[in-house]
Amino acid sequence: MHASEQHREDVAKARDGWKKMQPALDPDRLVFIDETGTNTQMTRTRGRCAKGERRVDYAPHGHWKTTTFVAGLRNDAITAPWWLTGQ
């Protein structure tokens, strides 16, 4: 599915200008903001172990926590890492 606005003349012109300008960008100056997260409800419920043995593991029960991680991704480094822990 693509946005129908792509067929508008003003949007198409702006997109073409952006594509033509991209090779002039200095990759060392670009910073992409990335966000990822995890939740304790994502705990794996299955796993592997030696044949004939039973796998036993532990995970928190009923205390669901969410952690969000945001950082700036550069050509050669991660900058301004920030994480939030919530309920």
N, C-alpha and C. Protein backbone atom coordinates (compact mmCIF):
# COMPACT_ATOMS: atom_id res chain seq x y z
N MET A 1 0.84 -1.16 0.00
CA MET A 1 0.00 0.00 0.00
C MET A 1 0.90 1.24 0.00
N HIS A 2 0.60 2.18 -0.87
CA HIS A 2 1.35 3.44 -0.95
C HIS A 2 0.39 4.60 -0.72
N ALA A 3 0.90 5.69 -0.23
CA ALA A 3 0.08 6.88 0.00
C ALA A 3 -0.41 7.44 -1.33
N SER A 4 -1.70 7.73 -1.40
CA SER A 4 -2.27 8.26 -2.64
C SER A 4 -1.73 9.66 -2.96
N GLU A 5 -1.22 10.36 -1.95
CA GLU A 5 -0.66 11.69 -2.16
C GLU A 5 0.55 11.67 -3.08
N GLN A 6 1.18 10.52 -3.24
CA GLN A 6 2.35 10.43 -4.12
C GLN A 6 2.01 10.82 -5.56
N HIS A 7 0.75 10.75 -5.91
CA HIS A 7 0.34 11.08 -7.28
C HIS A 7 0.05 12.57 -7.47
N ARG A 8 0.03 13.34 -6.37
CA ARG A 8 -0.19 14.77 -6.51
C ARG A 8 1.06 15.40 -7.11
N GLU A 9 0.86 16.39 -7.96
CA GLU A 9 1.98 17.01 -8.67
C GLU A 9 2.98 17.66 -7.72
N ASP A 10 2.52 18.37 -6.69
CA ASP A 10 3.43 19.04 -5.77
C ASP A 10 4.25 18.03 -4.95
N VAL A 11 3.61 16.93 -4.56
CA VAL A 11 4.31 15.91 -3.78
C VAL A 11 5.33 15.18 -4.66
N ALA A 12 4.94 14.85 -5.88
CA ALA A 12 5.85 14.17 -6.81
C ALA A 12 7.08 15.04 -7.09
N LYS A 13 6.86 16.35 -7.24
CA LYS A 13 7.98 17.26 -7.50
C LYS A 13 8.92 17.32 -6.30
N ALA A 14 8.35 17.39 -5.10
CA ALA A 14 9.17 17.43 -3.89
C ALA A 14 9.96 16.13 -3.71
N ARG A 15 9.33 14.99 -4.01
CA ARG A 15 10.02 13.70 -3.90
C ARG A 15 11.17 13.61 -4.90
N ASP A 16 10.96 14.08 -6.11
CA ASP A 16 12.03 14.07 -7.11
C ASP A 16 13.20 14.95 -6.67
N GLY A 17 12.89 16.12 -6.11
CA GLY A 17 13.94 17.01 -5.61
C GLY A 17 14.73 16.37 -4.49
N TRP A 18 14.04 15.67 -3.59
CA TRP A 18 14.70 14.98 -2.47
C TRP A 18 15.63 13.89 -2.99
N LYS A 19 15.16 13.11 -3.97
CA LYS A 19 15.98 12.03 -4.52
C LYS A 19 17.23 12.57 -5.23
N LYS A 20 17.10 13.71 -5.91
CA LYS A 20 18.25 14.29 -6.61
C LYS A 20 19.27 14.90 -5.64
N MET A 21 18.79 15.37 -4.49
CA MET A 21 19.65 16.02 -3.51
C MET A 21 20.39 15.00 -2.62
N GLN A 22 19.89 13.79 -2.49
CA GLN A 22 20.46 12.80 -1.57
C GLN A 22 21.95 12.51 -1.79
N PRO A 23 22.45 12.37 -3.02
CA PRO A 23 23.88 12.09 -3.17
C PRO A 23 24.80 13.17 -2.59
N ALA A 24 24.29 14.37 -2.42
CA ALA A 24 25.10 15.47 -1.87
C ALA A 24 25.17 15.43 -0.35
N LEU A 25 24.38 14.57 0.30
CA LEU A 25 24.39 14.50 1.76
C LEU A 25 25.69 13.88 2.26
N ASP A 26 26.22 14.44 3.33
CA ASP A 26 27.43 13.92 3.96
C ASP A 26 27.02 12.87 5.00
N PRO A 27 27.31 11.59 4.78
CA PRO A 27 26.87 10.55 5.72
C PRO A 27 27.40 10.74 7.14
N ASP A 28 28.54 11.43 7.28
CA ASP A 28 29.09 11.66 8.61
C ASP A 28 28.30 12.69 9.41
N ARG A 29 27.41 13.41 8.74
CA ARG A 29 26.60 14.41 9.43
C ARG A 29 25.16 13.95 9.68
N LEU A 30 24.79 12.79 9.16
CA LEU A 30 23.43 12.30 9.34
C LEU A 30 23.26 11.64 10.69
N VAL A 31 22.11 11.87 11.31
CA VAL A 31 21.76 11.22 12.57
C VAL A 31 20.33 10.71 12.42
N PHE A 32 20.14 9.44 12.64
CA PHE A 32 18.81 8.84 12.58
C PHE A 32 18.36 8.55 14.01
N ILE A 33 17.15 8.94 14.34
CA ILE A 33 16.60 8.67 15.67
C ILE A 33 15.91 7.32 15.61
N ASP A 34 16.29 6.43 16.52
CA ASP A 34 15.73 5.08 16.54
C ASP A 34 15.13 4.80 17.91
N GLU A 35 14.01 4.13 17.92
CA GLU A 35 13.34 3.76 19.17
C GLU A 35 13.04 2.27 19.14
N THR A 36 13.30 1.61 20.22
CA THR A 36 12.96 0.20 20.35
C THR A 36 12.49 -0.03 21.77
N GLY A 37 11.84 -1.14 22.01
CA GLY A 37 11.34 -1.40 23.34
C GLY A 37 11.21 -2.88 23.60
N THR A 38 11.06 -3.19 24.87
CA THR A 38 10.83 -4.57 25.26
C THR A 38 9.91 -4.59 26.47
N ASN A 39 9.31 -5.72 26.70
CA ASN A 39 8.36 -5.87 27.79
C ASN A 39 8.58 -7.23 28.42
N THR A 40 8.46 -7.32 29.72
CA THR A 40 8.69 -8.61 30.38
C THR A 40 7.65 -9.65 29.97
N GLN A 41 6.56 -9.23 29.37
CA GLN A 41 5.60 -10.20 28.85
C GLN A 41 6.15 -10.90 27.61
N MET A 42 7.26 -10.40 27.08
CA MET A 42 7.87 -11.01 25.91
C MET A 42 8.80 -12.17 26.29
N THR A 43 8.80 -12.55 27.55
CA THR A 43 9.66 -13.64 28.01
C THR A 43 9.36 -14.90 27.23
N ARG A 44 10.40 -15.57 26.79
CA ARG A 44 10.22 -16.81 26.04
C ARG A 44 9.58 -17.88 26.93
N THR A 45 8.67 -18.60 26.38
CA THR A 45 8.02 -19.67 27.14
C THR A 45 8.52 -21.04 26.74
N ARG A 46 9.41 -21.11 25.78
CA ARG A 46 9.95 -22.39 25.34
C ARG A 46 11.46 -22.25 25.16
N GLY A 47 12.15 -23.37 25.19
CA GLY A 47 13.59 -23.34 25.02
C GLY A 47 14.11 -24.73 24.71
N ARG A 48 15.40 -24.85 24.54
CA ARG A 48 16.03 -26.13 24.22
C ARG A 48 16.92 -26.59 25.36
N CYS A 49 17.09 -27.87 25.44
CA CYS A 49 18.00 -28.44 26.41
C CYS A 49 18.44 -29.81 25.90
N ALA A 50 19.32 -30.46 26.64
CA ALA A 50 19.82 -31.76 26.21
C ALA A 50 18.68 -32.77 26.13
N LYS A 51 18.80 -33.68 25.21
CA LYS A 51 17.79 -34.71 25.01
C LYS A 51 17.58 -35.49 26.31
N GLY A 52 16.33 -35.68 26.67
CA GLY A 52 15.99 -36.43 27.87
C GLY A 52 15.94 -35.59 29.13
N GLU A 53 16.34 -34.32 29.04
CA GLU A 53 16.28 -33.43 30.21
C GLU A 53 15.13 -32.47 30.05
N ARG A 54 14.67 -31.92 31.15
CA ARG A 54 13.57 -30.96 31.14
C ARG A 54 14.13 -29.56 31.38
N ARG A 55 13.73 -28.63 30.55
CA ARG A 55 14.20 -27.25 30.70
C ARG A 55 13.34 -26.55 31.74
N VAL A 56 14.00 -25.92 32.71
CA VAL A 56 13.31 -25.14 33.74
C VAL A 56 13.97 -23.78 33.79
N ASP A 57 13.15 -22.74 33.79
CA ASP A 57 13.67 -21.38 33.87
C ASP A 57 12.67 -20.55 34.67
N TYR A 58 13.01 -19.30 34.95
CA TYR A 58 12.16 -18.46 35.77
C TYR A 58 11.96 -17.11 35.10
N ALA A 59 10.80 -16.52 35.34
CA ALA A 59 10.48 -15.21 34.80
C ALA A 59 9.55 -14.50 35.78
N PRO A 60 9.54 -13.17 35.79
CA PRO A 60 8.64 -12.47 36.70
C PRO A 60 7.19 -12.77 36.37
N HIS A 61 6.37 -12.82 37.39
CA HIS A 61 4.95 -13.10 37.17
C HIS A 61 4.13 -11.92 37.70
N GLY A 62 3.35 -11.32 36.83
CA GLY A 62 2.43 -10.27 37.25
C GLY A 62 3.06 -8.91 37.47
N HIS A 63 4.34 -8.77 37.27
CA HIS A 63 5.01 -7.48 37.45
C HIS A 63 5.53 -7.03 36.10
N TRP A 64 4.62 -6.76 35.17
CA TRP A 64 5.02 -6.45 33.80
C TRP A 64 5.68 -5.08 33.74
N LYS A 65 6.82 -5.03 33.16
CA LYS A 65 7.57 -3.79 32.99
C LYS A 65 7.90 -3.59 31.51
N THR A 66 7.91 -2.35 31.12
CA THR A 66 8.26 -1.99 29.75
C THR A 66 9.49 -1.09 29.78
N THR A 67 10.42 -1.35 28.90
CA THR A 67 11.60 -0.52 28.76
C THR A 67 11.67 -0.02 27.33
N THR A 68 11.82 1.29 27.17
CA THR A 68 11.96 1.90 25.85
C THR A 68 13.35 2.50 25.74
N PHE A 69 14.00 2.27 24.62
CA PHE A 69 15.36 2.77 24.37
C PHE A 69 15.33 3.65 23.13
N VAL A 70 15.83 4.87 23.26
CA VAL A 70 15.90 5.82 22.15
C VAL A 70 17.35 6.27 22.02
N ALA A 71 17.84 6.34 20.78
CA ALA A 71 19.22 6.78 20.57
C ALA A 71 19.37 7.38 19.18
N GLY A 72 20.41 8.17 19.01
CA GLY A 72 20.76 8.71 17.71
C GLY A 72 21.78 7.79 17.06
N LEU A 73 21.48 7.31 15.87
CA LEU A 73 22.39 6.42 15.15
C LEU A 73 23.16 7.23 14.13
N ARG A 74 24.46 7.22 14.26
CA ARG A 74 25.35 7.92 13.34
C ARG A 74 26.12 6.91 12.50
N ASN A 75 26.86 7.41 11.56
CA ASN A 75 27.65 6.58 10.67
C ASN A 75 28.64 5.71 11.43
N ASP A 76 29.17 6.23 12.55
CA ASP A 76 30.21 5.51 13.27
C ASP A 76 29.96 5.35 14.76
N ALA A 77 28.78 5.73 15.24
CA ALA A 77 28.54 5.66 16.69
C ALA A 77 27.06 5.75 17.01
N ILE A 78 26.74 5.39 18.24
CA ILE A 78 25.40 5.62 18.80
C ILE A 78 25.57 6.80 19.75
N THR A 79 24.72 7.80 19.62
CA THR A 79 24.83 8.98 20.47
C THR A 79 23.52 9.23 21.22
N ALA A 80 23.64 9.92 22.32
CA ALA A 80 22.51 10.34 23.15
C ALA A 80 21.58 9.18 23.51
N PRO A 81 22.12 8.06 24.01
CA PRO A 81 21.23 6.97 24.39
C PRO A 81 20.36 7.38 25.59
N TRP A 82 19.12 6.95 25.58
CA TRP A 82 18.17 7.30 26.62
C TRP A 82 17.20 6.15 26.78
N TRP A 83 16.95 5.72 27.98
CA TRP A 83 15.98 4.66 28.16
C TRP A 83 14.99 5.06 29.24
N LEU A 84 13.78 4.56 29.08
CA LEU A 84 12.69 4.81 30.01
C LEU A 84 12.17 3.47 30.50
N THR A 85 11.92 3.38 31.77
CA THR A 85 11.30 2.19 32.31
C THR A 85 9.93 2.57 32.81
N GLY A 86 8.92 1.85 32.37
CA GLY A 86 7.56 2.17 32.77
C GLY A 86 6.81 0.94 33.22
N GLN A 87 5.55 1.15 33.48
CA GLN A 87 4.69 0.05 33.94
C GLN A 87 3.99 -0.60 32.78
